Amino acid sequence: MTALNLPEPIVAYFNADALSGDAVADCFTKDAEVRDEGRTHVGRAAIAAWRTAATAKYHYTVEPLAHVRNDVRHIVTGRVSGNFPGSPVDLEFTFVLKRRKISFLEIRP
């Protein structure tokens, strides 16, 4: 991830994603929003639950491949590999940062 020059909160997110829902939630602001698979999750408790449920459903890893900054958005292309149909797949992770935390994340194809 170092070669991509990702901001520290984004590096922390991808590192935490390999750990637990609580570790992931700690990367976000209190009122952060995550959009994934057609659902919106608001707040750290909801984000922790989202991550825990995703891990229970899919065993996966994410390898960041590319990073582009577009105004306040950081768009990271990540290769997601796991036990789901179509694996591996490249997804777009769009982050907005606020005070050294993630305030918004959208994951989409």
PDB file of N, CA and C in Angstrom:
ATOM      1  N   MET A   1       0.818  -1.204   0.000  1.00  0.00           N
ATOM      2  CA  MET A   1       0.000   0.000   0.000  1.00  0.00           C
ATOM      3  C   MET A   1       0.851   1.254   0.000  1.00  0.00           C
ATOM      4  N   THR A   2       2.058   1.157   0.484  1.00  0.00           N
ATOM      5  CA  THR A   2       2.933   2.326   0.554  1.00  0.00           C
ATOM      6  C   THR A   2       3.161   2.919  -0.827  1.00  0.00           C
ATOM      7  N   ALA A   3       3.341   2.074  -1.847  1.00  0.00           N
ATOM      8  CA  ALA A   3       3.602   2.558  -3.198  1.00  0.00           C
ATOM      9  C   ALA A   3       2.444   3.382  -3.749  1.00  0.00           C
ATOM     10  N   LEU A   4       1.247   3.174  -3.225  1.00  0.00           N
ATOM     11  CA  LEU A   4       0.081   3.916  -3.701  1.00  0.00           C
ATOM     12  C   LEU A   4      -0.043   5.279  -3.038  1.00  0.00           C
ATOM     13  N   ASN A   5       0.745   5.539  -2.011  1.00  0.00           N
ATOM     14  CA  ASN A   5       0.711   6.813  -1.287  1.00  0.00           C
ATOM     15  C   ASN A   5      -0.688   7.100  -0.727  1.00  0.00           C
ATOM     16  N   LEU A   6      -1.254   6.088  -0.076  1.00  0.00           N
ATOM     17  CA  LEU A   6      -2.584   6.239   0.516  1.00  0.00           C
ATOM     18  C   LEU A   6      -2.495   7.037   1.804  1.00  0.00           C
ATOM     19  N   PRO A   7      -3.484   7.877   2.079  1.00  0.00           N
ATOM     20  CA  PRO A   7      -3.537   8.579   3.362  1.00  0.00           C
ATOM     21  C   PRO A   7      -3.642   7.574   4.517  1.00  0.00           C
ATOM     22  N   GLU A   8      -3.104   7.931   5.663  1.00  0.00           N
ATOM     23  CA  GLU A   8      -3.058   7.040   6.819  1.00  0.00           C
ATOM     24  C   GLU A   8      -4.419   6.467   7.217  1.00  0.00           C
ATOM     25  N   PRO A   9      -5.520   7.242   7.223  1.00  0.00           N
ATOM     26  CA  PRO A   9      -6.809   6.641   7.591  1.00  0.00           C
ATOM     27  C   PRO A   9      -7.245   5.515   6.648  1.00  0.00           C
ATOM     28  N   ILE A  10      -6.866   5.609   5.389  1.00  0.00           N
ATOM     29  CA  ILE A  10      -7.223   4.570   4.418  1.00  0.00           C
ATOM     30  C   ILE A  10      -6.345   3.336   4.622  1.00  0.00           C
ATOM     31  N   VAL A  11      -5.063   3.548   4.874  1.00  0.00           N
ATOM     32  CA  VAL A  11      -4.176   2.433   5.207  1.00  0.00           C
ATOM     33  C   VAL A  11      -4.701   1.719   6.452  1.00  0.00           C
ATOM     34  N   ALA A  12      -5.088   2.506   7.455  1.00  0.00           N
ATOM     35  CA  ALA A  12      -5.622   1.926   8.695  1.00  0.00           C
ATOM     36  C   ALA A  12      -6.873   1.098   8.412  1.00  0.00           C
ATOM     37  N   TYR A  13      -7.739   1.581   7.529  1.00  0.00           N
ATOM     38  CA  TYR A  13      -8.957   0.849   7.183  1.00  0.00           C
ATOM     39  C   TYR A  13      -8.626  -0.516   6.594  1.00  0.00           C
ATOM     40  N   PHE A  14      -7.750  -0.549   5.579  1.00  0.00           N
ATOM     41  CA  PHE A  14      -7.432  -1.823   4.941  1.00  0.00           C
ATOM     42  C   PHE A  14      -6.721  -2.769   5.914  1.00  0.00           C
ATOM     43  N   ASN A  15      -5.906  -2.247   6.793  1.00  0.00           N
ATOM     44  CA  ASN A  15      -5.274  -3.091   7.817  1.00  0.00           C
ATOM     45  C   ASN A  15      -6.322  -3.629   8.793  1.00  0.00           C
ATOM     46  N   ALA A  16      -7.233  -2.766   9.227  1.00  0.00           N
ATOM     47  CA  ALA A  16      -8.276  -3.171  10.178  1.00  0.00           C
ATOM     48  C   ALA A  16      -9.247  -4.170   9.560  1.00  0.00           C
ATOM     49  N   ASP A  17      -9.452  -4.074   8.253  1.00  0.00           N
ATOM     50  CA  ASP A  17     -10.386  -4.968   7.572  1.00  0.00           C
ATOM     51  C   ASP A  17      -9.985  -6.431   7.734  1.00  0.00           C
ATOM     52  N   ALA A  18      -8.713  -6.676   7.962  1.00  0.00           N
ATOM     53  CA  ALA A  18      -8.241  -8.046   8.179  1.00  0.00           C
ATOM     54  C   ALA A  18      -8.400  -8.480   9.635  1.00  0.00           C
ATOM     55  N   LEU A  19      -8.873  -7.591  10.504  1.00  0.00           N
ATOM     56  CA  LEU A  19      -8.947  -7.880  11.932  1.00  0.00           C
ATOM     57  C   LEU A  19     -10.362  -8.129  12.432  1.00  0.00           C
ATOM     58  N   SER A  20     -11.167  -7.068  12.529  1.00  0.00           N
ATOM     59  CA  SER A  20     -12.504  -7.211  13.122  1.00  0.00           C
ATOM     60  C   SER A  20     -13.396  -6.035  12.763  1.00  0.00           C
ATOM     61  N   GLY A  21     -14.683  -6.203  13.027  1.00  0.00           N
ATOM     62  CA  GLY A  21     -15.644  -5.123  12.813  1.00  0.00           C
ATOM     63  C   GLY A  21     -15.350  -3.927  13.688  1.00  0.00           C
ATOM     64  N   ASP A  22     -14.976  -4.162  14.933  1.00  0.00           N
ATOM     65  CA  ASP A  22     -14.655  -3.053  15.838  1.00  0.00           C
ATOM     66  C   ASP A  22     -13.416  -2.303  15.371  1.00  0.00           C
ATOM     67  N   ALA A  23     -12.422  -3.030  14.883  1.00  0.00           N
ATOM     68  CA  ALA A  23     -11.203  -2.378  14.377  1.00  0.00           C
ATOM     69  C   ALA A  23     -11.531  -1.503  13.176  1.00  0.00           C
ATOM     70  N   VAL A  24     -12.396  -1.995  12.303  1.00  0.00           N
ATOM     71  CA  VAL A  24     -12.818  -1.207  11.138  1.00  0.00           C
ATOM     72  C   VAL A  24     -13.576   0.034  11.600  1.00  0.00           C
ATOM     73  N   ALA A  25     -14.527  -0.139  12.502  1.00  0.00           N
ATOM     74  CA  ALA A  25     -15.345   0.984  12.976  1.00  0.00           C
ATOM     75  C   ALA A  25     -14.495   2.082  13.597  1.00  0.00           C
ATOM     76  N   ASP A  26     -13.402   1.715  14.240  1.00  0.00           N
ATOM     77  CA  ASP A  26     -12.513   2.710  14.848  1.00  0.00           C
ATOM     78  C   ASP A  26     -11.863   3.637  13.824  1.00  0.00           C
ATOM     79  N   CYS A  27     -11.869   3.260  12.562  1.00  0.00           N
ATOM     80  CA  CYS A  27     -11.279   4.087  11.503  1.00  0.00           C
ATOM     81  C   CYS A  27     -12.214   5.214  11.055  1.00  0.00           C
ATOM     82  N   PHE A  28     -13.459   5.199  11.538  1.00  0.00           N
ATOM     83  CA  PHE A  28     -14.492   6.122  11.067  1.00  0.00           C
ATOM     84  C   PHE A  28     -14.853   7.176  12.106  1.00  0.00           C
ATOM     85  N   THR A  29     -15.398   8.293  11.622  1.00  0.00           N
ATOM     86  CA  THR A  29     -15.957   9.304  12.509  1.00  0.00           C
ATOM     87  C   THR A  29     -17.226   8.735  13.151  1.00  0.00           C
ATOM     88  N   LYS A  30     -17.699   9.369  14.216  1.00  0.00           N
ATOM     89  CA  LYS A  30     -18.881   8.875  14.934  1.00  0.00           C
ATOM     90  C   LYS A  30     -20.115   8.775  14.048  1.00  0.00           C
ATOM     91  N   ASP A  31     -20.266   9.743  13.138  1.00  0.00           N
ATOM     92  CA  ASP A  31     -21.465   9.792  12.291  1.00  0.00           C
ATOM     93  C   ASP A  31     -21.177   9.375  10.844  1.00  0.00           C
ATOM     94  N   ALA A  32     -20.142   8.583  10.647  1.00  0.00           N
ATOM     95  CA  ALA A  32     -19.742   8.171   9.300  1.00  0.00           C
ATOM     96  C   ALA A  32     -20.824   7.345   8.624  1.00  0.00           C
ATOM     97  N   GLU A  33     -20.719   7.289   7.307  1.00  0.00           N
ATOM     98  CA  GLU A  33     -21.676   6.550   6.488  1.00  0.00           C
ATOM     99  C   GLU A  33     -20.917   5.595   5.572  1.00  0.00           C
ATOM    100  N   VAL A  34     -21.376   4.344   5.512  1.00  0.00           N
ATOM    101  CA  VAL A  34     -20.839   3.355   4.586  1.00  0.00           C
ATOM    102  C   VAL A  34     -21.975   2.888   3.692  1.00  0.00           C
ATOM    103  N   ARG A  35     -21.715   2.860   2.390  1.00  0.00           N
ATOM    104  CA  ARG A  35     -22.678   2.337   1.415  1.00  0.00           C
ATOM    105  C   ARG A  35     -22.049   1.130   0.737  1.00  0.00           C
ATOM    106  N   ASP A  36     -22.734   0.006   0.831  1.00  0.00           N
ATOM    107  CA  ASP A  36     -22.225  -1.224   0.247  1.00  0.00           C
ATOM    108  C   ASP A  36     -23.389  -2.155  -0.046  1.00  0.00           C
ATOM    109  N   GLU A  37     -23.344  -2.805  -1.189  1.00  0.00           N
ATOM    110  CA  GLU A  37     -24.369  -3.771  -1.597  1.00  0.00           C
ATOM    111  C   GLU A  37     -25.791  -3.220  -1.468  1.00  0.00           C
ATOM    112  N   GLY A  38     -25.975  -1.958  -1.851  1.00  0.00           N
ATOM    113  CA  GLY A  38     -27.297  -1.355  -1.855  1.00  0.00           C
ATOM    114  C   GLY A  38     -27.828  -0.920  -0.497  1.00  0.00           C
ATOM    115  N   ARG A  39     -26.996  -0.992   0.535  1.00  0.00           N
ATOM    116  CA  ARG A  39     -27.424  -0.580   1.877  1.00  0.00           C
ATOM    117  C   ARG A  39     -26.526   0.520   2.403  1.00  0.00           C
ATOM    118  N   THR A  40     -27.090   1.313   3.320  1.00  0.00           N
ATOM    119  CA  THR A  40     -26.349   2.396   3.958  1.00  0.00           C
ATOM    120  C   THR A  40     -26.271   2.108   5.447  1.00  0.00           C
ATOM    121  N   HIS A  41     -25.084   2.256   6.007  1.00  0.00           N
ATOM    122  CA  HIS A  41     -24.818   2.002   7.422  1.00  0.00           C
ATOM    123  C   HIS A  41     -24.250   3.288   8.020  1.00  0.00           C
ATOM    124  N   VAL A  42     -24.897   3.809   9.052  1.00  0.00           N
ATOM    125  CA  VAL A  42     -24.501   5.098   9.632  1.00  0.00           C
ATOM    126  C   VAL A  42     -24.104   4.908  11.095  1.00  0.00           C
ATOM    127  N   GLY A  43     -22.944   5.449  11.443  1.00  0.00           N
ATOM    128  CA  GLY A  43     -22.453   5.376  12.816  1.00  0.00           C
ATOM    129  C   GLY A  43     -21.535   4.177  13.025  1.00  0.00           C
ATOM    130  N   ARG A  44     -20.664   4.282  14.014  1.00  0.00           N
ATOM    131  CA  ARG A  44     -19.669   3.236  14.253  1.00  0.00           C
ATOM    132  C   ARG A  44     -20.285   1.881  14.589  1.00  0.00           C
ATOM    133  N   ALA A  45     -21.345   1.852  15.380  1.00  0.00           N
ATOM    134  CA  ALA A  45     -21.966   0.565  15.736  1.00  0.00           C
ATOM    135  C   ALA A  45     -22.507  -0.134  14.491  1.00  0.00           C
ATOM    136  N   ALA A  46     -23.163   0.614  13.628  1.00  0.00           N
ATOM    137  CA  ALA A  46     -23.711   0.043  12.392  1.00  0.00           C
ATOM    138  C   ALA A  46     -22.586  -0.400  11.457  1.00  0.00           C
ATOM    139  N   ILE A  47     -21.510   0.363  11.431  1.00  0.00           N
ATOM    140  CA  ILE A  47     -20.367   0.006  10.578  1.00  0.00           C
ATOM    141  C   ILE A  47     -19.699  -1.266  11.100  1.00  0.00           C
ATOM    142  N   ALA A  48     -19.546  -1.391  12.404  1.00  0.00           N
ATOM    143  CA  ALA A  48     -18.973  -2.613  12.988  1.00  0.00           C
ATOM    144  C   ALA A  48     -19.851  -3.818  12.652  1.00  0.00           C
ATOM    145  N   ALA A  49     -21.168  -3.657  12.766  1.00  0.00           N
ATOM    146  CA  ALA A  49     -22.096  -4.748  12.460  1.00  0.00           C
ATOM    147  C   ALA A  49     -22.033  -5.121  10.976  1.00  0.00           C
ATOM    148  N   TRP A  50     -21.939  -4.114  10.100  1.00  0.00           N
ATOM    149  CA  TRP A  50     -21.823  -4.351   8.654  1.00  0.00           C
ATOM    150  C   TRP A  50     -20.580  -5.172   8.355  1.00  0.00           C
ATOM    151  N   ARG A  51     -19.459  -4.758   8.898  1.00  0.00           N
ATOM    152  CA  ARG A  51     -18.192  -5.466   8.645  1.00  0.00           C
ATOM    153  C   ARG A  51     -18.233  -6.882   9.207  1.00  0.00           C
ATOM    154  N   THR A  52     -18.779  -7.068  10.396  1.00  0.00           N
ATOM    155  CA  THR A  52     -18.873  -8.391  11.013  1.00  0.00           C
ATOM    156  C   THR A  52     -19.758  -9.310  10.170  1.00  0.00           C
ATOM    157  N   ALA A  53     -20.879  -8.792   9.691  1.00  0.00           N
ATOM    158  CA  ALA A  53     -21.783  -9.588   8.850  1.00  0.00           C
ATOM    159  C   ALA A  53     -21.134  -9.941   7.513  1.00  0.00           C
ATOM    160  N   ALA A  54     -20.420  -8.998   6.922  1.00  0.00           N
ATOM    161  CA  ALA A  54     -19.745  -9.255   5.642  1.00  0.00           C
ATOM    162  C   ALA A  54     -18.706 -10.351   5.790  1.00  0.00           C
ATOM    163  N   THR A  55     -17.977 -10.335   6.890  1.00  0.00           N
ATOM    164  CA  THR A  55     -16.952 -11.345   7.121  1.00  0.00           C
ATOM    165  C   THR A  55     -17.573 -12.716   7.375  1.00  0.00           C
ATOM    166  N   ALA A  56     -18.713 -12.740   8.054  1.00  0.00           N
ATOM    167  CA  ALA A  56     -19.393 -14.011   8.295  1.00  0.00           C
ATOM    168  C   ALA A  56     -19.915 -14.604   6.985  1.00  0.00           C
ATOM    169  N   LYS A  57     -20.358 -13.731   6.086  1.00  0.00           N
ATOM    170  CA  LYS A  57     -20.933 -14.165   4.817  1.00  0.00           C
ATOM    171  C   LYS A  57     -19.848 -14.524   3.798  1.00  0.00           C
ATOM    172  N   TYR A  58     -18.813 -13.695   3.720  1.00  0.00           N
ATOM    173  CA  TYR A  58     -17.743 -13.871   2.740  1.00  0.00           C
ATOM    174  C   TYR A  58     -16.401 -13.855   3.459  1.00  0.00           C
ATOM    175  N   HIS A  59     -15.590 -14.830   3.186  1.00  0.00           N
ATOM    176  CA  HIS A  59     -14.207 -14.777   3.659  1.00  0.00           C
ATOM    177  C   HIS A  59     -13.420 -14.175   2.502  1.00  0.00           C
ATOM    178  N   TYR A  60     -12.835 -13.011   2.723  1.00  0.00           N
ATOM    179  CA  TYR A  60     -12.233 -12.272   1.619  1.00  0.00           C
ATOM    180  C   TYR A  60     -10.975 -11.524   2.053  1.00  0.00           C
ATOM    181  N   THR A  61     -10.204 -11.133   1.069  1.00  0.00           N
ATOM    182  CA  THR A  61      -9.074 -10.227   1.275  1.00  0.00           C
ATOM    183  C   THR A  61      -9.178  -9.137   0.221  1.00  0.00           C
ATOM    184  N   VAL A  62      -8.596  -7.982   0.527  1.00  0.00           N
ATOM    185  CA  VAL A  62      -8.600  -6.860  -0.411  1.00  0.00           C
ATOM    186  C   VAL A  62      -7.164  -6.426  -0.640  1.00  0.00           C
ATOM    187  N   GLU A  63      -6.796  -6.314  -1.901  1.00  0.00           N
ATOM    188  CA  GLU A  63      -5.482  -5.807  -2.273  1.00  0.00           C
ATOM    189  C   GLU A  63      -5.665  -4.487  -3.025  1.00  0.00           C
ATOM    190  N   PRO A  64      -5.310  -3.352  -2.397  1.00  0.00           N
ATOM    191  CA  PRO A  64      -5.402  -2.077  -3.110  1.00  0.00           C
ATOM    192  C   PRO A  64      -4.462  -2.061  -4.316  1.00  0.00           C
ATOM    193  N   LEU A  65      -4.997  -1.646  -5.473  1.00  0.00           N
ATOM    194  CA  LEU A  65      -4.227  -1.653  -6.710  1.00  0.00           C
ATOM    195  C   LEU A  65      -3.920  -0.256  -7.237  1.00  0.00           C
ATOM    196  N   ALA A  66      -4.835   0.682  -7.027  1.00  0.00           N
ATOM    197  CA  ALA A  66      -4.675   2.025  -7.587  1.00  0.00           C
ATOM    198  C   ALA A  66      -5.361   3.035  -6.675  1.00  0.00           C
ATOM    199  N   HIS A  67      -4.869   4.281  -6.736  1.00  0.00           N
ATOM    200  CA  HIS A  67      -5.425   5.360  -5.910  1.00  0.00           C
ATOM    201  C   HIS A  67      -5.449   6.638  -6.729  1.00  0.00           C
ATOM    202  N   VAL A  68      -6.615   7.287  -6.754  1.00  0.00           N
ATOM    203  CA  VAL A  68      -6.772   8.574  -7.420  1.00  0.00           C
ATOM    204  C   VAL A  68      -7.472   9.502  -6.448  1.00  0.00           C
ATOM    205  N   ARG A  69      -6.975  10.728  -6.358  1.00  0.00           N
ATOM    206  CA  ARG A  69      -7.674  11.720  -5.535  1.00  0.00           C
ATOM    207  C   ARG A  69      -8.459  12.621  -6.466  1.00  0.00           C
ATOM    208  N   ASN A  70      -9.741  12.790  -6.152  1.00  0.00           N
ATOM    209  CA  ASN A  70     -10.638  13.614  -6.942  1.00  0.00           C
ATOM    210  C   ASN A  70     -11.302  14.591  -5.985  1.00  0.00           C
ATOM    211  N   ASP A  71     -10.765  15.800  -5.900  1.00  0.00           N
ATOM    212  CA  ASP A  71     -11.249  16.817  -4.975  1.00  0.00           C
ATOM    213  C   ASP A  71     -11.127  16.286  -3.554  1.00  0.00           C
ATOM    214  N   VAL A  72     -12.204  16.067  -2.827  1.00  0.00           N
ATOM    215  CA  VAL A  72     -12.128  15.560  -1.450  1.00  0.00           C
ATOM    216  C   VAL A  72     -12.249  14.040  -1.391  1.00  0.00           C
ATOM    217  N   ARG A  73     -12.471  13.420  -2.515  1.00  0.00           N
ATOM    218  CA  ARG A  73     -12.654  11.966  -2.547  1.00  0.00           C
ATOM    219  C   ARG A  73     -11.343  11.264  -2.904  1.00  0.00           C
ATOM    220  N   HIS A  74     -11.118  10.158  -2.226  1.00  0.00           N
ATOM    221  CA  HIS A  74     -10.004   9.267  -2.542  1.00  0.00           C
ATOM    222  C   HIS A  74     -10.634   7.992  -3.084  1.00  0.00           C
ATOM    223  N   ILE A  75     -10.302   7.658  -4.329  1.00  0.00           N
ATOM    224  CA  ILE A  75     -10.879   6.480  -4.970  1.00  0.00           C
ATOM    225  C   ILE A  75      -9.782   5.430  -5.077  1.00  0.00           C
ATOM    226  N   VAL A  76     -10.008   4.302  -4.403  1.00  0.00           N
ATOM    227  CA  VAL A  76      -9.053   3.210  -4.388  1.00  0.00           C
ATOM    228  C   VAL A  76      -9.686   2.021  -5.106  1.00  0.00           C
ATOM    229  N   THR A  77      -8.992   1.521  -6.112  1.00  0.00           N
ATOM    230  CA  THR A  77      -9.412   0.287  -6.755  1.00  0.00           C
ATOM    231  C   THR A  77      -8.761  -0.852  -5.994  1.00  0.00           C
ATOM    232  N   GLY A  78      -9.590  -1.795  -5.544  1.00  0.00           N
ATOM    233  CA  GLY A  78      -9.072  -2.922  -4.786  1.00  0.00           C
ATOM    234  C   GLY A  78      -9.529  -4.240  -5.379  1.00  0.00           C
ATOM    235  N   ARG A  79      -8.604  -5.188  -5.430  1.00  0.00           N
ATOM    236  CA  ARG A  79      -8.960  -6.528  -5.885  1.00  0.00           C
ATOM    237  C   ARG A  79      -9.441  -7.332  -4.684  1.00  0.00           C
ATOM    238  N   VAL A  80     -10.700  -7.742  -4.728  1.00  0.00           N
ATOM    239  CA  VAL A  80     -11.313  -8.492  -3.637  1.00  0.00           C
ATOM    240  C   VAL A  80     -11.376  -9.958  -4.054  1.00  0.00           C
ATOM    241  N   SER A  81     -10.743 -10.802  -3.243  1.00  0.00           N
ATOM    242  CA  SER A  81     -10.709 -12.240  -3.508  1.00  0.00           C
ATOM    243  C   SER A  81     -11.318 -12.963  -2.326  1.00  0.00           C
ATOM    244  N   GLY A  82     -12.118 -13.983  -2.611  1.00  0.00           N
ATOM    245  CA  GLY A  82     -12.720 -14.724  -1.510  1.00  0.00           C
ATOM    246  C   GLY A  82     -13.632 -15.829  -1.987  1.00  0.00           C
ATOM    247  N   ASN A  83     -14.499 -16.270  -1.092  1.00  0.00           N
ATOM    248  CA  ASN A  83     -15.398 -17.390  -1.375  1.00  0.00           C
ATOM    249  C   ASN A  83     -16.767 -16.901  -1.846  1.00  0.00           C
ATOM    250  N   PHE A  84     -16.778 -16.127  -2.893  1.00  0.00           N
ATOM    251  CA  PHE A  84     -18.031 -15.625  -3.446  1.00  0.00           C
ATOM    252  C   PHE A  84     -18.001 -15.774  -4.964  1.00  0.00           C
ATOM    253  N   PRO A  85     -19.156 -15.882  -5.592  1.00  0.00           N
ATOM    254  CA  PRO A  85     -19.202 -16.036  -7.050  1.00  0.00           C
ATOM    255  C   PRO A  85     -18.521 -14.868  -7.756  1.00  0.00           C
ATOM    256  N   GLY A  86     -17.714 -15.189  -8.764  1.00  0.00           N
ATOM    257  CA  GLY A  86     -17.044 -14.147  -9.544  1.00  0.00           C
ATOM    258  C   GLY A  86     -15.714 -13.709  -8.981  1.00  0.00           C
ATOM    259  N   SER A  87     -15.277 -14.304  -7.878  1.00  0.00           N
ATOM    260  CA  SER A  87     -14.001 -13.928  -7.261  1.00  0.00           C
ATOM    261  C   SER A  87     -12.843 -14.324  -8.168  1.00  0.00           C
ATOM    262  N   PRO A  88     -11.831 -13.470  -8.301  1.00  0.00           N
ATOM    263  CA  PRO A  88     -11.715 -12.143  -7.696  1.00  0.00           C
ATOM    264  C   PRO A  88     -12.439 -11.097  -8.523  1.00  0.00           C
ATOM    265  N   VAL A  89     -12.715  -9.962  -7.869  1.00  0.00           N
ATOM    266  CA  VAL A  89     -13.379  -8.853  -8.543  1.00  0.00           C
ATOM    267  C   VAL A  89     -12.693  -7.561  -8.107  1.00  0.00           C
ATOM    268  N   ASP A  90     -12.579  -6.619  -9.041  1.00  0.00           N
ATOM    269  CA  ASP A  90     -12.031  -5.307  -8.707  1.00  0.00           C
ATOM    270  C   ASP A  90     -13.176  -4.382  -8.342  1.00  0.00           C
ATOM    271  N   LEU A  91     -13.113  -3.822  -7.145  1.00  0.00           N
ATOM    272  CA  LEU A  91     -14.138  -2.898  -6.670  1.00  0.00           C
ATOM    273  C   LEU A  91     -13.538  -1.526  -6.444  1.00  0.00           C
ATOM    274  N   GLU A  92     -14.400  -0.526  -6.486  1.00  0.00           N
ATOM    275  CA  GLU A  92     -13.996   0.863  -6.248  1.00  0.00           C
ATOM    276  C   GLU A  92     -14.422   1.264  -4.839  1.00  0.00           C
ATOM    277  N   PHE A  93     -13.466   1.674  -4.030  1.00  0.00           N
ATOM    278  CA  PHE A  93     -13.696   2.143  -2.671  1.00  0.00           C
ATOM    279  C   PHE A  93     -13.536   3.659  -2.700  1.00  0.00           C
ATOM    280  N   THR A  94     -14.616   4.395  -2.493  1.00  0.00           N
ATOM    281  CA  THR A  94     -14.556   5.852  -2.489  1.00  0.00           C
ATOM    282  C   THR A  94     -14.623   6.332  -1.046  1.00  0.00           C
ATOM    283  N   PHE A  95     -13.553   6.997  -0.618  1.00  0.00           N
ATOM    284  CA  PHE A  95     -13.422   7.486   0.749  1.00  0.00           C
ATOM    285  C   PHE A  95     -13.490   9.008   0.789  1.00  0.00           C
ATOM    286  N   VAL A  96     -14.094   9.537   1.843  1.00  0.00           N
ATOM    287  CA  VAL A  96     -13.999  10.956   2.189  1.00  0.00           C
ATOM    288  C   VAL A  96     -13.457  10.994   3.613  1.00  0.00           C
ATOM    289  N   LEU A  97     -12.435  11.812   3.813  1.00  0.00           N
ATOM    290  CA  LEU A  97     -11.778  11.889   5.117  1.00  0.00           C
ATOM    291  C   LEU A  97     -12.153  13.179   5.837  1.00  0.00           C
ATOM    292  N   LYS A  98     -12.178  13.084   7.161  1.00  0.00           N
ATOM    293  CA  LYS A  98     -12.479  14.252   7.987  1.00  0.00           C
ATOM    294  C   LYS A  98     -11.717  14.096   9.299  1.00  0.00           C
ATOM    295  N   ARG A  99     -10.852  15.039   9.587  1.00  0.00           N
ATOM    296  CA  ARG A  99     -10.082  15.035  10.835  1.00  0.00           C
ATOM    297  C   ARG A  99      -9.401  13.694  11.109  1.00  0.00           C
ATOM    298  N   ARG A 100      -8.674  13.190  10.143  1.00  0.00           N
ATOM    299  CA  ARG A 100      -7.867  11.977  10.263  1.00  0.00           C
ATOM    300  C   ARG A 100      -8.681  10.705  10.474  1.00  0.00           C
ATOM    301  N   LYS A 101      -9.956  10.754  10.089  1.00  0.00           N
ATOM    302  CA  LYS A 101     -10.841   9.593  10.138  1.00  0.00           C
ATOM    303  C   LYS A 101     -11.603   9.533   8.811  1.00  0.00           C
ATOM    304  N   ILE A 102     -12.270   8.418   8.580  1.00  0.00           N
ATOM    305  CA  ILE A 102     -13.107   8.261   7.390  1.00  0.00           C
ATOM    306  C   ILE A 102     -14.520   8.712   7.754  1.00  0.00           C
ATOM    307  N   SER A 103     -15.063   9.625   6.967  1.00  0.00           N
ATOM    308  CA  SER A 103     -16.434  10.085   7.220  1.00  0.00           C
ATOM    309  C   SER A 103     -17.433   9.472   6.245  1.00  0.00           C
ATOM    310  N   PHE A 104     -16.919   8.926   5.137  1.00  0.00           N
ATOM    311  CA  PHE A 104     -17.788   8.345   4.128  1.00  0.00           C
ATOM    312  C   PHE A 104     -17.006   7.284   3.365  1.00  0.00           C
ATOM    313  N   LEU A 105     -17.664   6.150   3.090  1.00  0.00           N
ATOM    314  CA  LEU A 105     -17.092   5.092   2.245  1.00  0.00           C
ATOM    315  C   LEU A 105     -18.211   4.507   1.420  1.00  0.00           C
ATOM    316  N   GLU A 106     -17.972   4.426   0.119  1.00  0.00           N
ATOM    317  CA  GLU A 106     -18.887   3.715  -0.773  1.00  0.00           C
ATOM    318  C   GLU A 106     -18.080   2.672  -1.520  1.00  0.00           C
ATOM    319  N   ILE A 107     -18.596   1.442  -1.545  1.00  0.00           N
ATOM    320  CA  ILE A 107     -17.943   0.344  -2.241  1.00  0.00           C
ATOM    321  C   ILE A 107     -18.863  -0.079  -3.378  1.00  0.00           C
ATOM    322  N   ARG A 108     -18.294  -0.087  -4.603  1.00  0.00           N
ATOM    323  CA  ARG A 108     -19.117  -0.467  -5.753  1.00  0.00           C
ATOM    324  C   ARG A 108     -18.260  -1.080  -6.862  1.00  0.00           C
ATOM    325  N   PRO A 109     -18.923  -1.795  -7.751  1.00  0.00           N
ATOM    326  CA  PRO A 109     -18.184  -2.422  -8.882  1.00  0.00           C
ATOM    327  C   PRO A 109     -17.611  -1.384  -9.821  1.00  0.00           C
TER     328      PRO A 109
END
